[in-house]
Amino acid sequence: MRVTLLNNYEKAADALAKAFMHDPFYSAITADLPPEAPERHQCLVRYFVYSLQEAEKFGTLVVPAPDAYGASVWLFPQDSDTQETMDRDKKKFLSGLLGQRGLAHYEAIIGFMHPLAQQVVPQRNWYLSIAGVSPELQGRGLGERLLRPTLKEANQSGVCCYLETFNARSIRFYNKLGFAEVGSHLEPITNSQYWIMLRK
């Protein structure tokens, strides 16, 4: 595990909340909150703080210090007991954060997407769970800077990486980094198309 960081998670989580404010997945899991309400932004910040901490324990986290304009959050394969603990702890956290409807959306979306990824992604891969840059700083090459260190490590370790994205505009960006589309599906809760991308 490598952490490039950050003395506080809040700034990076705030950048991610801004970056994913209109993403279909995050809109669905915060469906009980008004789209532009400050409470929704804070809910997403708390979600991303948890995700950053989870990656610090169970994967790799890259956050540029001191600016923390975004983050890349990677999760590594775990043994079955550890994965069960991760899933249980996350469900407990999300049930308090999202409420019943948001949690139901989260579980339904993950339940739909995960088996489809398993069909086309090799086992023992590194999963790019989240990658984002604050909107006002996008288009400056900062996203690539967040990903290159871990991709280099993946090359050295000989492992595949994969991701899922609801953002069609990001496909070309990931193509440049060696990811290729290996699946595309219409997710029923969000009623949105998403793509599975694999980097061998």
N, C-alpha and C. Protein backbone atom coordinates (compact mmCIF):
# COMPACT_ATOMS: atom_id res chain seq x y z
N MET A 1 0.84 -1.20 0.00
CA MET A 1 0.00 0.00 0.00
C MET A 1 0.87 1.24 0.00
N ARG A 2 0.47 2.22 -0.79
CA ARG A 2 1.17 3.50 -0.80
C ARG A 2 0.13 4.60 -0.68
N VAL A 3 0.39 5.54 0.17
CA VAL A 3 -0.50 6.68 0.35
C VAL A 3 0.27 7.95 0.07
N THR A 4 -0.20 8.72 -0.89
CA THR A 4 0.41 10.01 -1.19
C THR A 4 -0.59 11.07 -0.75
N LEU A 5 -0.31 11.81 0.25
CA LEU A 5 -1.38 12.51 0.96
C LEU A 5 -0.86 13.63 1.83
N LEU A 6 -1.70 14.59 2.06
CA LEU A 6 -2.93 14.67 2.80
C LEU A 6 -2.70 14.55 4.29
N ASN A 7 -3.06 15.57 4.94
CA ASN A 7 -3.23 15.49 6.38
C ASN A 7 -4.70 15.47 6.74
N ASN A 8 -5.53 15.88 5.81
CA ASN A 8 -6.95 15.77 6.09
C ASN A 8 -7.67 15.24 4.86
N TYR A 9 -8.65 14.38 5.11
CA TYR A 9 -9.42 13.78 4.02
C TYR A 9 -10.48 14.74 3.47
N GLU A 10 -10.85 15.70 4.27
CA GLU A 10 -12.00 16.53 3.92
C GLU A 10 -11.81 17.27 2.60
N LYS A 11 -10.64 17.80 2.37
CA LYS A 11 -10.43 18.60 1.16
C LYS A 11 -10.53 17.73 -0.09
N ALA A 12 -9.92 16.56 -0.06
CA ALA A 12 -10.01 15.65 -1.20
C ALA A 12 -11.44 15.15 -1.38
N ALA A 13 -12.10 14.84 -0.29
CA ALA A 13 -13.49 14.37 -0.37
C ALA A 13 -14.40 15.45 -0.92
N ASP A 14 -14.14 16.69 -0.56
CA ASP A 14 -14.93 17.81 -1.08
C ASP A 14 -14.74 17.93 -2.59
N ALA A 15 -13.51 17.76 -3.07
CA ALA A 15 -13.24 17.81 -4.51
C ALA A 15 -13.98 16.69 -5.23
N LEU A 16 -13.97 15.50 -4.65
CA LEU A 16 -14.67 14.37 -5.28
C LEU A 16 -16.18 14.60 -5.28
N ALA A 17 -16.71 15.15 -4.19
CA ALA A 17 -18.15 15.43 -4.13
C ALA A 17 -18.56 16.39 -5.24
N LYS A 18 -17.75 17.38 -5.49
CA LYS A 18 -18.04 18.32 -6.59
C LYS A 18 -17.94 17.63 -7.94
N ALA A 19 -16.93 16.77 -8.09
CA ALA A 19 -16.70 16.10 -9.37
C ALA A 19 -17.84 15.14 -9.73
N PHE A 20 -18.42 14.49 -8.71
CA PHE A 20 -19.43 13.46 -8.96
C PHE A 20 -20.84 13.90 -8.59
N MET A 21 -21.05 15.19 -8.45
CA MET A 21 -22.35 15.71 -8.02
C MET A 21 -23.49 15.24 -8.92
N HIS A 22 -23.24 15.10 -10.23
CA HIS A 22 -24.30 14.74 -11.16
C HIS A 22 -24.11 13.34 -11.75
N ASP A 23 -23.22 12.55 -11.18
CA ASP A 23 -23.02 11.19 -11.64
C ASP A 23 -24.25 10.35 -11.31
N PRO A 24 -24.73 9.51 -12.23
CA PRO A 24 -25.96 8.73 -11.97
C PRO A 24 -25.90 7.87 -10.72
N PHE A 25 -24.76 7.23 -10.47
CA PHE A 25 -24.65 6.37 -9.29
C PHE A 25 -24.83 7.19 -8.01
N TYR A 26 -24.11 8.29 -7.90
CA TYR A 26 -24.17 9.08 -6.67
C TYR A 26 -25.48 9.84 -6.55
N SER A 27 -26.12 10.13 -7.67
CA SER A 27 -27.46 10.71 -7.60
C SER A 27 -28.45 9.70 -7.05
N ALA A 28 -28.30 8.43 -7.46
CA ALA A 28 -29.24 7.40 -7.02
C ALA A 28 -29.11 7.11 -5.53
N ILE A 29 -27.87 7.08 -5.02
CA ILE A 29 -27.72 6.70 -3.61
C ILE A 29 -28.01 7.87 -2.67
N THR A 30 -28.16 9.07 -3.22
CA THR A 30 -28.56 10.22 -2.40
C THR A 30 -29.94 10.73 -2.85
N ALA A 31 -30.77 9.80 -3.29
CA ALA A 31 -32.05 10.17 -3.90
C ALA A 31 -33.00 10.86 -2.93
N ASP A 32 -32.82 10.69 -1.64
CA ASP A 32 -33.71 11.31 -0.67
C ASP A 32 -33.38 12.77 -0.39
N LEU A 33 -32.28 13.25 -0.96
CA LEU A 33 -31.86 14.63 -0.71
C LEU A 33 -32.03 15.47 -1.97
N PRO A 34 -32.45 16.73 -1.85
CA PRO A 34 -32.59 17.58 -3.02
C PRO A 34 -31.27 17.71 -3.77
N PRO A 35 -31.31 17.70 -5.11
CA PRO A 35 -30.08 17.64 -5.91
C PRO A 35 -29.04 18.70 -5.57
N GLU A 36 -29.45 19.92 -5.32
CA GLU A 36 -28.50 21.00 -5.08
C GLU A 36 -28.40 21.40 -3.61
N ALA A 37 -28.97 20.60 -2.74
CA ALA A 37 -28.99 20.96 -1.31
C ALA A 37 -27.61 20.79 -0.70
N PRO A 38 -27.22 21.71 0.20
CA PRO A 38 -25.94 21.56 0.91
C PRO A 38 -25.84 20.23 1.64
N GLU A 39 -26.99 19.71 2.12
CA GLU A 39 -26.98 18.45 2.83
C GLU A 39 -26.53 17.30 1.92
N ARG A 40 -26.88 17.37 0.65
CA ARG A 40 -26.46 16.32 -0.28
C ARG A 40 -24.96 16.38 -0.51
N HIS A 41 -24.44 17.58 -0.64
CA HIS A 41 -22.99 17.72 -0.82
C HIS A 41 -22.26 17.16 0.40
N GLN A 42 -22.75 17.47 1.58
CA GLN A 42 -22.10 16.97 2.79
C GLN A 42 -22.21 15.46 2.91
N CYS A 43 -23.34 14.92 2.46
CA CYS A 43 -23.51 13.47 2.46
C CYS A 43 -22.45 12.82 1.56
N LEU A 44 -22.22 13.39 0.38
CA LEU A 44 -21.22 12.86 -0.52
C LEU A 44 -19.81 13.02 0.05
N VAL A 45 -19.56 14.13 0.71
CA VAL A 45 -18.25 14.31 1.34
C VAL A 45 -18.00 13.20 2.35
N ARG A 46 -18.98 12.90 3.17
CA ARG A 46 -18.83 11.83 4.16
C ARG A 46 -18.62 10.48 3.49
N TYR A 47 -19.34 10.25 2.40
CA TYR A 47 -19.16 9.01 1.64
C TYR A 47 -17.72 8.89 1.14
N PHE A 48 -17.21 9.97 0.58
CA PHE A 48 -15.86 9.91 0.02
C PHE A 48 -14.79 9.85 1.10
N VAL A 49 -15.01 10.48 2.24
CA VAL A 49 -14.06 10.32 3.35
C VAL A 49 -13.95 8.85 3.72
N TYR A 50 -15.08 8.19 3.82
CA TYR A 50 -15.07 6.75 4.13
C TYR A 50 -14.30 5.98 3.06
N SER A 51 -14.54 6.31 1.79
CA SER A 51 -13.88 5.61 0.69
C SER A 51 -12.38 5.83 0.71
N LEU A 52 -11.94 7.03 1.04
CA LEU A 52 -10.51 7.31 1.14
C LEU A 52 -9.88 6.49 2.26
N GLN A 53 -10.55 6.44 3.38
CA GLN A 53 -10.03 5.67 4.51
C GLN A 53 -10.02 4.17 4.20
N GLU A 54 -11.03 3.70 3.48
CA GLU A 54 -11.10 2.30 3.09
C GLU A 54 -9.92 1.93 2.19
N ALA A 55 -9.61 2.81 1.22
CA ALA A 55 -8.49 2.55 0.32
C ALA A 55 -7.17 2.58 1.06
N GLU A 56 -7.05 3.43 2.06
CA GLU A 56 -5.82 3.49 2.84
C GLU A 56 -5.56 2.17 3.55
N LYS A 57 -6.63 1.48 3.94
CA LYS A 57 -6.49 0.20 4.64
C LYS A 57 -6.37 -0.98 3.68
N PHE A 58 -7.10 -0.92 2.58
CA PHE A 58 -7.28 -2.12 1.75
C PHE A 58 -6.85 -1.94 0.30
N GLY A 59 -6.08 -0.92 0.02
CA GLY A 59 -5.66 -0.72 -1.36
C GLY A 59 -4.59 0.34 -1.45
N THR A 60 -4.78 1.24 -2.37
CA THR A 60 -3.85 2.34 -2.57
C THR A 60 -4.63 3.63 -2.77
N LEU A 61 -4.16 4.66 -2.14
CA LEU A 61 -4.81 5.97 -2.19
C LEU A 61 -3.80 6.99 -2.67
N VAL A 62 -4.17 7.74 -3.70
CA VAL A 62 -3.31 8.82 -4.18
C VAL A 62 -4.08 10.13 -4.07
N VAL A 63 -3.57 11.02 -3.25
CA VAL A 63 -4.13 12.36 -3.08
C VAL A 63 -2.98 13.34 -3.14
N PRO A 64 -3.01 14.32 -4.04
CA PRO A 64 -1.90 15.26 -4.16
C PRO A 64 -1.84 16.21 -2.97
N ALA A 65 -0.73 16.22 -2.31
CA ALA A 65 -0.54 17.14 -1.19
C ALA A 65 0.32 18.31 -1.65
N PRO A 66 0.03 19.52 -1.19
CA PRO A 66 -1.00 19.86 -0.20
C PRO A 66 -2.34 20.24 -0.81
N ASP A 67 -2.44 20.23 -2.14
CA ASP A 67 -3.63 20.80 -2.78
C ASP A 67 -4.87 19.95 -2.60
N ALA A 68 -4.74 18.62 -2.66
CA ALA A 68 -5.88 17.71 -2.50
C ALA A 68 -7.02 18.10 -3.44
N TYR A 69 -6.68 18.29 -4.72
CA TYR A 69 -7.68 18.71 -5.71
C TYR A 69 -8.51 17.54 -6.22
N GLY A 70 -8.26 16.36 -5.73
CA GLY A 70 -8.97 15.16 -6.15
C GLY A 70 -8.31 13.95 -5.53
N ALA A 71 -8.61 12.78 -6.08
CA ALA A 71 -8.01 11.56 -5.55
C ALA A 71 -8.24 10.42 -6.52
N SER A 72 -7.36 9.42 -6.43
CA SER A 72 -7.64 8.12 -7.04
C SER A 72 -7.66 7.09 -5.91
N VAL A 73 -8.69 6.28 -5.93
CA VAL A 73 -8.99 5.34 -4.86
C VAL A 73 -9.00 3.94 -5.45
N TRP A 74 -8.06 3.12 -5.03
CA TRP A 74 -7.92 1.76 -5.55
C TRP A 74 -8.18 0.77 -4.43
N LEU A 75 -8.87 -0.32 -4.77
CA LEU A 75 -9.07 -1.42 -3.84
C LEU A 75 -8.41 -2.67 -4.40
N PHE A 76 -7.72 -3.39 -3.52
CA PHE A 76 -6.99 -4.60 -3.91
C PHE A 76 -7.77 -5.84 -3.50
N PRO A 77 -7.48 -6.99 -4.10
CA PRO A 77 -8.17 -8.22 -3.71
C PRO A 77 -7.91 -8.57 -2.25
N GLN A 78 -8.94 -9.09 -1.59
CA GLN A 78 -8.85 -9.46 -0.19
C GLN A 78 -9.28 -10.91 -0.02
N ASP A 79 -8.85 -11.54 1.05
CA ASP A 79 -9.36 -12.87 1.34
C ASP A 79 -10.83 -12.76 1.72
N SER A 80 -11.53 -13.88 1.71
CA SER A 80 -12.98 -13.86 1.87
C SER A 80 -13.41 -13.28 3.22
N ASP A 81 -12.69 -13.58 4.29
CA ASP A 81 -13.05 -13.06 5.61
C ASP A 81 -12.92 -11.55 5.67
N THR A 82 -11.80 -11.04 5.12
CA THR A 82 -11.59 -9.60 5.10
C THR A 82 -12.65 -8.91 4.26
N GLN A 83 -12.98 -9.50 3.10
CA GLN A 83 -13.99 -8.90 2.24
C GLN A 83 -15.35 -8.87 2.92
N GLU A 84 -15.69 -9.92 3.63
CA GLU A 84 -16.96 -9.94 4.35
C GLU A 84 -17.00 -8.84 5.42
N THR A 85 -15.89 -8.65 6.10
CA THR A 85 -15.81 -7.60 7.11
C THR A 85 -15.95 -6.23 6.46
N MET A 86 -15.26 -6.02 5.34
CA MET A 86 -15.36 -4.75 4.62
C MET A 86 -16.80 -4.47 4.22
N ASP A 87 -17.46 -5.49 3.65
CA ASP A 87 -18.84 -5.32 3.18
C ASP A 87 -19.79 -5.03 4.34
N ARG A 88 -19.59 -5.72 5.45
CA ARG A 88 -20.45 -5.53 6.61
C ARG A 88 -20.27 -4.14 7.20
N ASP A 89 -19.02 -3.70 7.34
CA ASP A 89 -18.76 -2.38 7.89
C ASP A 89 -19.29 -1.28 6.99
N LYS A 90 -19.14 -1.48 5.68
CA LYS A 90 -19.61 -0.46 4.76
C LYS A 90 -21.14 -0.37 4.76
N LYS A 91 -21.80 -1.50 4.83
CA LYS A 91 -23.26 -1.47 4.89
C LYS A 91 -23.74 -0.76 6.15
N LYS A 92 -23.08 -1.01 7.26
CA LYS A 92 -23.45 -0.34 8.51
C LYS A 92 -23.28 1.17 8.38
N PHE A 93 -22.16 1.59 7.80
CA PHE A 93 -21.91 3.01 7.61
C PHE A 93 -22.94 3.63 6.67
N LEU A 94 -23.19 2.97 5.54
CA LEU A 94 -24.09 3.54 4.54
C LEU A 94 -25.54 3.57 5.01
N SER A 95 -25.93 2.62 5.84
CA SER A 95 -27.31 2.62 6.34
C SER A 95 -27.57 3.84 7.20
N GLY A 96 -26.55 4.30 7.91
CA GLY A 96 -26.70 5.51 8.70
C GLY A 96 -26.58 6.77 7.87
N LEU A 97 -25.81 6.70 6.80
CA LEU A 97 -25.57 7.88 5.98
C LEU A 97 -26.67 8.11 4.95
N LEU A 98 -27.07 7.05 4.25
CA LEU A 98 -27.94 7.20 3.08
C LEU A 98 -29.41 7.03 3.39
N GLY A 99 -29.72 6.34 4.45
CA GLY A 99 -31.12 6.03 4.72
C GLY A 99 -31.55 4.80 3.94
N GLN A 100 -32.78 4.38 4.17
CA GLN A 100 -33.27 3.12 3.63
C GLN A 100 -33.31 3.11 2.10
N ARG A 101 -33.81 4.18 1.51
CA ARG A 101 -33.94 4.21 0.05
C ARG A 101 -32.56 4.28 -0.62
N GLY A 102 -31.70 5.14 -0.11
CA GLY A 102 -30.37 5.25 -0.69
C GLY A 102 -29.59 3.95 -0.58
N LEU A 103 -29.69 3.30 0.58
CA LEU A 103 -28.99 2.02 0.76
C LEU A 103 -29.56 0.97 -0.19
N ALA A 104 -30.87 0.96 -0.36
CA ALA A 104 -31.49 0.00 -1.28
C ALA A 104 -30.98 0.23 -2.71
N HIS A 105 -30.87 1.48 -3.11
CA HIS A 105 -30.33 1.79 -4.43
C HIS A 105 -28.89 1.33 -4.55
N TYR A 106 -28.10 1.60 -3.52
CA TYR A 106 -26.69 1.20 -3.54
C TYR A 106 -26.57 -0.31 -3.72
N GLU A 107 -27.29 -1.06 -2.92
CA GLU A 107 -27.19 -2.51 -2.97
C GLU A 107 -27.70 -3.07 -4.30
N ALA A 108 -28.75 -2.47 -4.84
CA ALA A 108 -29.28 -2.94 -6.12
C ALA A 108 -28.30 -2.66 -7.27
N ILE A 109 -27.70 -1.49 -7.26
CA ILE A 109 -26.75 -1.14 -8.32
C ILE A 109 -25.52 -2.04 -8.26
N ILE A 110 -24.95 -2.17 -7.06
CA ILE A 110 -23.78 -3.03 -6.89
C ILE A 110 -24.14 -4.48 -7.23
N GLY A 111 -25.32 -4.92 -6.82
CA GLY A 111 -25.76 -6.28 -7.10
C GLY A 111 -25.93 -6.54 -8.59
N PHE A 112 -26.26 -5.51 -9.34
CA PHE A 112 -26.37 -5.64 -10.79
C PHE A 112 -25.00 -5.61 -11.46
N MET A 113 -24.15 -4.69 -11.04
CA MET A 113 -22.89 -4.45 -11.75
C MET A 113 -21.81 -5.48 -11.42
N HIS A 114 -21.73 -5.90 -10.19
CA HIS A 114 -20.61 -6.76 -9.78
C HIS A 114 -20.56 -8.09 -10.53
N PRO A 115 -21.67 -8.82 -10.66
CA PRO A 115 -21.60 -10.07 -11.41
C PRO A 115 -21.21 -9.88 -12.88
N LEU A 116 -21.64 -8.79 -13.47
CA LEU A 116 -21.30 -8.53 -14.87
C LEU A 116 -19.80 -8.26 -15.02
N ALA A 117 -19.23 -7.56 -14.05
CA ALA A 117 -17.78 -7.33 -14.10
C ALA A 117 -17.02 -8.63 -13.92
N GLN A 118 -17.50 -9.49 -13.04
CA GLN A 118 -16.81 -10.76 -12.80
C GLN A 118 -16.73 -11.62 -14.05
N GLN A 119 -17.69 -11.45 -14.96
CA GLN A 119 -17.71 -12.24 -16.18
C GLN A 119 -16.60 -11.86 -17.15
N VAL A 120 -16.12 -10.63 -17.08
CA VAL A 120 -15.17 -10.15 -18.09
C VAL A 120 -13.84 -9.69 -17.52
N VAL A 121 -13.71 -9.69 -16.20
CA VAL A 121 -12.49 -9.20 -15.56
C VAL A 121 -11.77 -10.36 -14.88
N PRO A 122 -10.47 -10.53 -15.11
CA PRO A 122 -9.72 -11.61 -14.44
C PRO A 122 -9.74 -11.44 -12.93
N GLN A 123 -9.59 -12.55 -12.22
CA GLN A 123 -9.51 -12.49 -10.77
C GLN A 123 -8.19 -11.85 -10.34
N ARG A 124 -8.15 -11.46 -9.07
CA ARG A 124 -6.94 -10.86 -8.46
C ARG A 124 -6.52 -9.59 -9.18
N ASN A 125 -7.48 -8.76 -9.52
CA ASN A 125 -7.20 -7.49 -10.19
C ASN A 125 -7.19 -6.35 -9.19
N TRP A 126 -6.71 -5.20 -9.64
CA TRP A 126 -6.81 -3.96 -8.88
C TRP A 126 -7.98 -3.17 -9.42
N TYR A 127 -8.84 -2.71 -8.53
CA TYR A 127 -10.06 -2.02 -8.94
C TYR A 127 -9.94 -0.52 -8.68
N LEU A 128 -10.06 0.25 -9.74
CA LEU A 128 -10.09 1.70 -9.60
C LEU A 128 -11.51 2.10 -9.21
N SER A 129 -11.72 2.24 -7.93
CA SER A 129 -13.05 2.50 -7.40
C SER A 129 -13.53 3.92 -7.68
N ILE A 130 -12.63 4.88 -7.50
CA ILE A 130 -12.98 6.30 -7.67
C ILE A 130 -11.77 7.03 -8.22
N ALA A 131 -11.99 7.89 -9.18
CA ALA A 131 -10.95 8.81 -9.64
C ALA A 131 -11.62 10.11 -10.07
N GLY A 132 -11.22 11.20 -9.47
CA GLY A 132 -11.87 12.46 -9.80
C GLY A 132 -11.03 13.66 -9.44
N VAL A 133 -11.29 14.75 -10.16
CA VAL A 133 -10.62 16.03 -9.96
C VAL A 133 -11.70 17.10 -9.82
N SER A 134 -11.49 18.03 -8.95
CA SER A 134 -12.44 19.13 -8.76
C SER A 134 -12.76 19.78 -10.11
N PRO A 135 -14.03 20.04 -10.40
CA PRO A 135 -14.43 20.48 -11.74
C PRO A 135 -13.67 21.68 -12.28
N GLU A 136 -13.37 22.65 -11.43
CA GLU A 136 -12.71 23.86 -11.92
C GLU A 136 -11.26 23.61 -12.34
N LEU A 137 -10.72 22.44 -12.02
CA LEU A 137 -9.33 22.12 -12.37
C LEU A 137 -9.22 21.02 -13.42
N GLN A 138 -10.34 20.58 -13.93
CA GLN A 138 -10.30 19.51 -14.93
C GLN A 138 -9.76 20.02 -16.25
N GLY A 139 -9.20 19.10 -17.04
CA GLY A 139 -8.66 19.46 -18.34
C GLY A 139 -7.23 19.93 -18.31
N ARG A 140 -6.53 19.74 -17.19
CA ARG A 140 -5.15 20.20 -17.05
C ARG A 140 -4.15 19.05 -16.89
N GLY A 141 -4.61 17.83 -17.12
CA GLY A 141 -3.74 16.68 -16.97
C GLY A 141 -3.59 16.18 -15.56
N LEU A 142 -4.38 16.71 -14.64
CA LEU A 142 -4.25 16.33 -13.24
C LEU A 142 -4.78 14.93 -12.97
N GLY A 143 -5.81 14.54 -13.71
CA GLY A 143 -6.35 13.20 -13.53
C GLY A 143 -5.34 12.13 -13.88
N GLU A 144 -4.63 12.34 -14.97
CA GLU A 144 -3.59 11.39 -15.36
C GLU A 144 -2.50 11.31 -14.30
N ARG A 145 -2.18 12.44 -13.71
CA ARG A 145 -1.16 12.48 -12.66
C ARG A 145 -1.58 11.66 -11.44
N LEU A 146 -2.89 11.59 -11.19
CA LEU A 146 -3.39 10.81 -10.07
C LEU A 146 -3.29 9.31 -10.32
N LEU A 147 -3.32 8.91 -11.59
CA LEU A 147 -3.39 7.49 -11.93
C LEU A 147 -2.05 6.87 -12.29
N ARG A 148 -1.15 7.64 -12.86
CA ARG A 148 0.10 7.08 -13.37
C ARG A 148 0.91 6.29 -12.33
N PRO A 149 1.06 6.78 -11.10
CA PRO A 149 1.89 6.03 -10.13
C PRO A 149 1.38 4.61 -9.89
N THR A 150 0.07 4.46 -9.73
CA THR A 150 -0.46 3.13 -9.45
C THR A 150 -0.44 2.25 -10.69
N LEU A 151 -0.66 2.84 -11.85
CA LEU A 151 -0.57 2.06 -13.09
C LEU A 151 0.84 1.54 -13.29
N LYS A 152 1.83 2.34 -12.94
CA LYS A 152 3.22 1.89 -13.03
C LYS A 152 3.45 0.71 -12.10
N GLU A 153 2.92 0.78 -10.89
CA GLU A 153 3.05 -0.32 -9.94
C GLU A 153 2.34 -1.57 -10.45
N ALA A 154 1.19 -1.38 -11.09
CA ALA A 154 0.46 -2.52 -11.65
C ALA A 154 1.28 -3.20 -12.73
N ASN A 155 1.95 -2.41 -13.56
CA ASN A 155 2.82 -2.97 -14.59
C ASN A 155 3.92 -3.82 -13.95
N GLN A 156 4.53 -3.26 -12.92
CA GLN A 156 5.63 -3.96 -12.25
C GLN A 156 5.16 -5.23 -11.55
N SER A 157 3.92 -5.21 -11.08
CA SER A 157 3.37 -6.37 -10.37
C SER A 157 2.70 -7.36 -11.32
N GLY A 158 2.51 -6.97 -12.57
CA GLY A 158 1.89 -7.86 -13.55
C GLY A 158 0.43 -8.14 -13.28
N VAL A 159 -0.31 -7.13 -12.81
CA VAL A 159 -1.73 -7.33 -12.51
C VAL A 159 -2.59 -6.50 -13.45
N CYS A 160 -3.81 -6.98 -13.65
CA CYS A 160 -4.79 -6.23 -14.43
C CYS A 160 -5.48 -5.20 -13.54
N CYS A 161 -5.95 -4.15 -14.16
CA CYS A 161 -6.74 -3.13 -13.47
C CYS A 161 -8.07 -2.98 -14.20
N TYR A 162 -9.11 -2.68 -13.44
CA TYR A 162 -10.37 -2.40 -14.13
C TYR A 162 -11.12 -1.30 -13.40
N LEU A 163 -12.11 -0.76 -14.11
CA LEU A 163 -12.94 0.31 -13.57
C LEU A 163 -14.31 0.22 -14.21
N GLU A 164 -15.24 0.95 -13.64
CA GLU A 164 -16.59 1.11 -14.20
C GLU A 164 -16.90 2.59 -14.23
N THR A 165 -17.48 3.06 -15.33
CA THR A 165 -17.78 4.49 -15.43
C THR A 165 -19.12 4.71 -16.10
N PHE A 166 -19.87 5.67 -15.57
CA PHE A 166 -21.11 6.12 -16.19
C PHE A 166 -20.88 7.30 -17.13
N ASN A 167 -19.65 7.75 -17.23
CA ASN A 167 -19.33 8.96 -17.97
C ASN A 167 -18.72 8.60 -19.32
N ALA A 168 -19.50 8.72 -20.39
CA ALA A 168 -19.01 8.38 -21.73
C ALA A 168 -17.82 9.24 -22.13
N ARG A 169 -17.77 10.47 -21.62
CA ARG A 169 -16.67 11.37 -22.00
C ARG A 169 -15.34 10.93 -21.42
N SER A 170 -15.38 10.11 -20.38
CA SER A 170 -14.13 9.68 -19.76
C SER A 170 -13.50 8.49 -20.46
N ILE A 171 -14.22 7.86 -21.38
CA ILE A 171 -13.72 6.65 -22.03
C ILE A 171 -12.43 6.94 -22.79
N ARG A 172 -12.39 8.01 -23.52
CA ARG A 172 -11.19 8.35 -24.29
C ARG A 172 -10.00 8.60 -23.35
N PHE A 173 -10.25 9.25 -22.23
CA PHE A 173 -9.20 9.49 -21.24
C PHE A 173 -8.61 8.17 -20.75
N TYR A 174 -9.47 7.23 -20.41
CA TYR A 174 -8.98 5.95 -19.92
C TYR A 174 -8.33 5.13 -21.03
N ASN A 175 -8.82 5.27 -22.26
CA ASN A 175 -8.17 4.60 -23.38
C ASN A 175 -6.71 5.01 -23.49
N LYS A 176 -6.44 6.29 -23.27
CA LYS A 176 -5.05 6.79 -23.36
C LYS A 176 -4.16 6.16 -22.30
N LEU A 177 -4.75 5.71 -21.21
CA LEU A 177 -3.99 5.11 -20.12
C LEU A 177 -3.92 3.59 -20.24
N GLY A 178 -4.44 3.05 -21.32
CA GLY A 178 -4.33 1.61 -21.56
C GLY A 178 -5.56 0.80 -21.24
N PHE A 179 -6.64 1.44 -20.81
CA PHE A 179 -7.88 0.72 -20.54
C PHE A 179 -8.67 0.53 -21.84
N ALA A 180 -9.32 -0.60 -21.95
CA ALA A 180 -10.17 -0.89 -23.11
C ALA A 180 -11.55 -1.31 -22.62
N GLU A 181 -12.57 -0.98 -23.36
CA GLU A 181 -13.93 -1.35 -23.01
C GLU A 181 -14.13 -2.85 -23.20
N VAL A 182 -14.65 -3.50 -22.18
CA VAL A 182 -14.92 -4.94 -22.26
C VAL A 182 -16.39 -5.25 -21.97
N GLY A 183 -17.18 -4.23 -21.76
CA GLY A 183 -18.60 -4.44 -21.52
C GLY A 183 -19.31 -3.12 -21.37
N SER A 184 -20.59 -3.10 -21.73
CA SER A 184 -21.43 -1.92 -21.55
C SER A 184 -22.85 -2.39 -21.29
N HIS A 185 -23.49 -1.79 -20.28
CA HIS A 185 -24.81 -2.25 -19.87
C HIS A 185 -25.68 -1.05 -19.46
N LEU A 186 -26.97 -1.25 -19.52
CA LEU A 186 -27.91 -0.26 -19.02
C LEU A 186 -28.26 -0.65 -17.59
N GLU A 187 -27.85 0.18 -16.64
CA GLU A 187 -28.10 -0.09 -15.23
C GLU A 187 -29.53 0.32 -14.91
N PRO A 188 -30.37 -0.58 -14.37
CA PRO A 188 -31.80 -0.30 -14.27
C PRO A 188 -32.21 0.73 -13.21
N ILE A 189 -31.50 0.83 -12.10
CA ILE A 189 -31.89 1.80 -11.07
C ILE A 189 -31.68 3.22 -11.57
N THR A 190 -30.52 3.47 -12.16
CA THR A 190 -30.21 4.81 -12.68
C THR A 190 -30.76 5.03 -14.08
N ASN A 191 -31.14 3.94 -14.74
CA ASN A 191 -31.55 3.98 -16.15
C ASN A 191 -30.47 4.64 -17.00
N SER A 192 -29.22 4.32 -16.70
CA SER A 192 -28.07 4.93 -17.37
C SER A 192 -27.12 3.86 -17.89
N GLN A 193 -26.50 4.17 -19.01
CA GLN A 193 -25.48 3.28 -19.57
C GLN A 193 -24.17 3.45 -18.80
N TYR A 194 -23.49 2.33 -18.60
CA TYR A 194 -22.16 2.42 -18.01
C TYR A 194 -21.24 1.45 -18.73
N TRP A 195 -19.94 1.63 -18.52
CA TRP A 195 -18.93 0.86 -19.24
C TRP A 195 -17.99 0.20 -18.25
N ILE A 196 -17.61 -1.04 -18.55
CA ILE A 196 -16.57 -1.75 -17.82
C ILE A 196 -15.31 -1.65 -18.66
N MET A 197 -14.21 -1.24 -18.04
CA MET A 197 -12.96 -1.05 -18.77
C MET A 197 -11.84 -1.82 -18.08
N LEU A 198 -11.01 -2.49 -18.87
CA LEU A 198 -9.97 -3.36 -18.35
C LEU A 198 -8.63 -2.94 -18.93
N ARG A 199 -7.63 -2.96 -18.08
CA ARG A 199 -6.25 -2.69 -18.49
C ARG A 199 -5.42 -3.93 -18.19
N LYS A 200 -4.95 -4.60 -19.22
CA LYS A 200 -4.21 -5.84 -19.04
C LYS A 200 -2.75 -5.54 -18.76
